[in-house]
C-alpha cells in the first residue's frame, strides 16, 4: 500500500481474517473514525497516521 491512504469511517475488521494489512504501509494514512476493531496490523507502519476517534478495540499492533 502507498502512503497517505484515506480510510475515513472505513471498516477494516476484514483484516482480521484476510491479513491484507500485515506489514502494510499506512504512513500518514487518514484513519479518522475507522473501525479497526479486530484488525490485524502486525508490523504495519503507522507513523504519522491520523487515528482520531478510531475504534482500536482488540486491534493487534505487534512491532509496529
Protein backbone atom coordinates (compact mmCIF):
# COMPACT_ATOMS: atom_id res chain seq x y z
CA UNK A 1 0.00 0.00 0.00
CA UNK A 2 1.14 3.52 -0.62
CA UNK A 3 1.37 6.33 1.90
CA UNK A 4 -1.37 8.84 2.55
CA UNK A 5 -4.24 6.37 2.19
CA UNK A 6 -7.64 7.56 3.37
CA UNK A 7 -9.83 5.13 5.32
CA UNK A 8 -12.17 7.70 6.84
CA UNK A 9 -15.06 5.84 8.51
CA UNK A 10 -13.69 2.67 6.91
CA UNK A 11 -14.37 -0.73 8.43
CA UNK A 12 -11.07 -2.61 8.46
CA UNK A 13 -12.32 -5.57 10.51
CA UNK A 14 -11.82 -7.76 7.41
CA UNK A 15 -8.06 -7.60 8.00
CA UNK A 16 -8.60 -9.89 10.98
CA UNK A 17 -9.26 -12.81 8.64
CA UNK A 18 -7.68 -11.75 5.34
CA UNK A 19 -4.41 -10.46 6.83
CA UNK A 20 -4.30 -7.96 3.97
CA UNK A 21 -2.64 -5.41 6.22
CA UNK A 22 0.23 -7.49 7.62
CA UNK A 23 3.39 -5.44 7.07
CA UNK A 24 1.38 -2.78 5.18
CA UNK A 25 2.45 0.85 4.84
CA UNK A 26 -0.06 3.20 6.45
CA UNK A 27 2.38 6.09 6.97
CA UNK A 28 0.34 9.28 7.04
CA UNK A 29 -2.93 7.42 6.42
CA UNK A 30 -6.14 9.16 7.46
CA UNK A 31 -7.90 6.59 9.66
CA UNK A 32 -10.29 9.09 11.26
CA UNK A 33 -13.27 7.23 12.71
CA UNK A 34 -12.06 3.98 11.14
CA UNK A 35 -13.27 0.76 12.73
CA UNK A 36 -10.04 -1.09 13.43
CA UNK A 37 -11.59 -3.48 15.94
CA UNK A 38 -10.10 -6.94 15.45
CA UNK A 39 -7.91 -5.70 12.58
CA UNK A 40 -4.54 -7.45 12.38
CA UNK A 41 -1.95 -4.76 11.75
CA UNK A 42 1.10 -6.85 12.60
CA UNK A 43 4.26 -4.94 11.66
CA UNK A 44 2.18 -2.25 9.91
CA UNK A 45 3.90 1.12 9.60
CA UNK A 46 1.54 3.62 11.23
CA UNK A 47 3.96 6.56 11.59
CA UNK A 48 2.04 9.79 11.21
CA UNK A 49 -1.29 8.01 10.77
CA UNK A 50 -4.29 10.07 11.87
CA UNK A 51 -6.26 7.93 14.33
CA UNK A 52 -8.66 10.49 15.83
CA UNK A 53 -11.83 8.73 17.04
CA UNK A 54 -10.68 5.42 15.52
CA UNK A 55 -12.06 2.28 17.18
CA UNK A 56 -9.00 0.29 18.23
CA UNK A 57 -10.79 -2.32 20.35
CA UNK A 58 -8.92 -5.65 20.26
CA UNK A 59 -6.58 -4.47 17.49
CA UNK A 60 -3.30 -6.39 17.22
CA UNK A 61 -0.37 -4.00 16.86
CA UNK A 62 2.84 -6.03 17.12
CA UNK A 63 6.24 -4.49 16.42
CA UNK A 64 4.76 -1.53 14.56
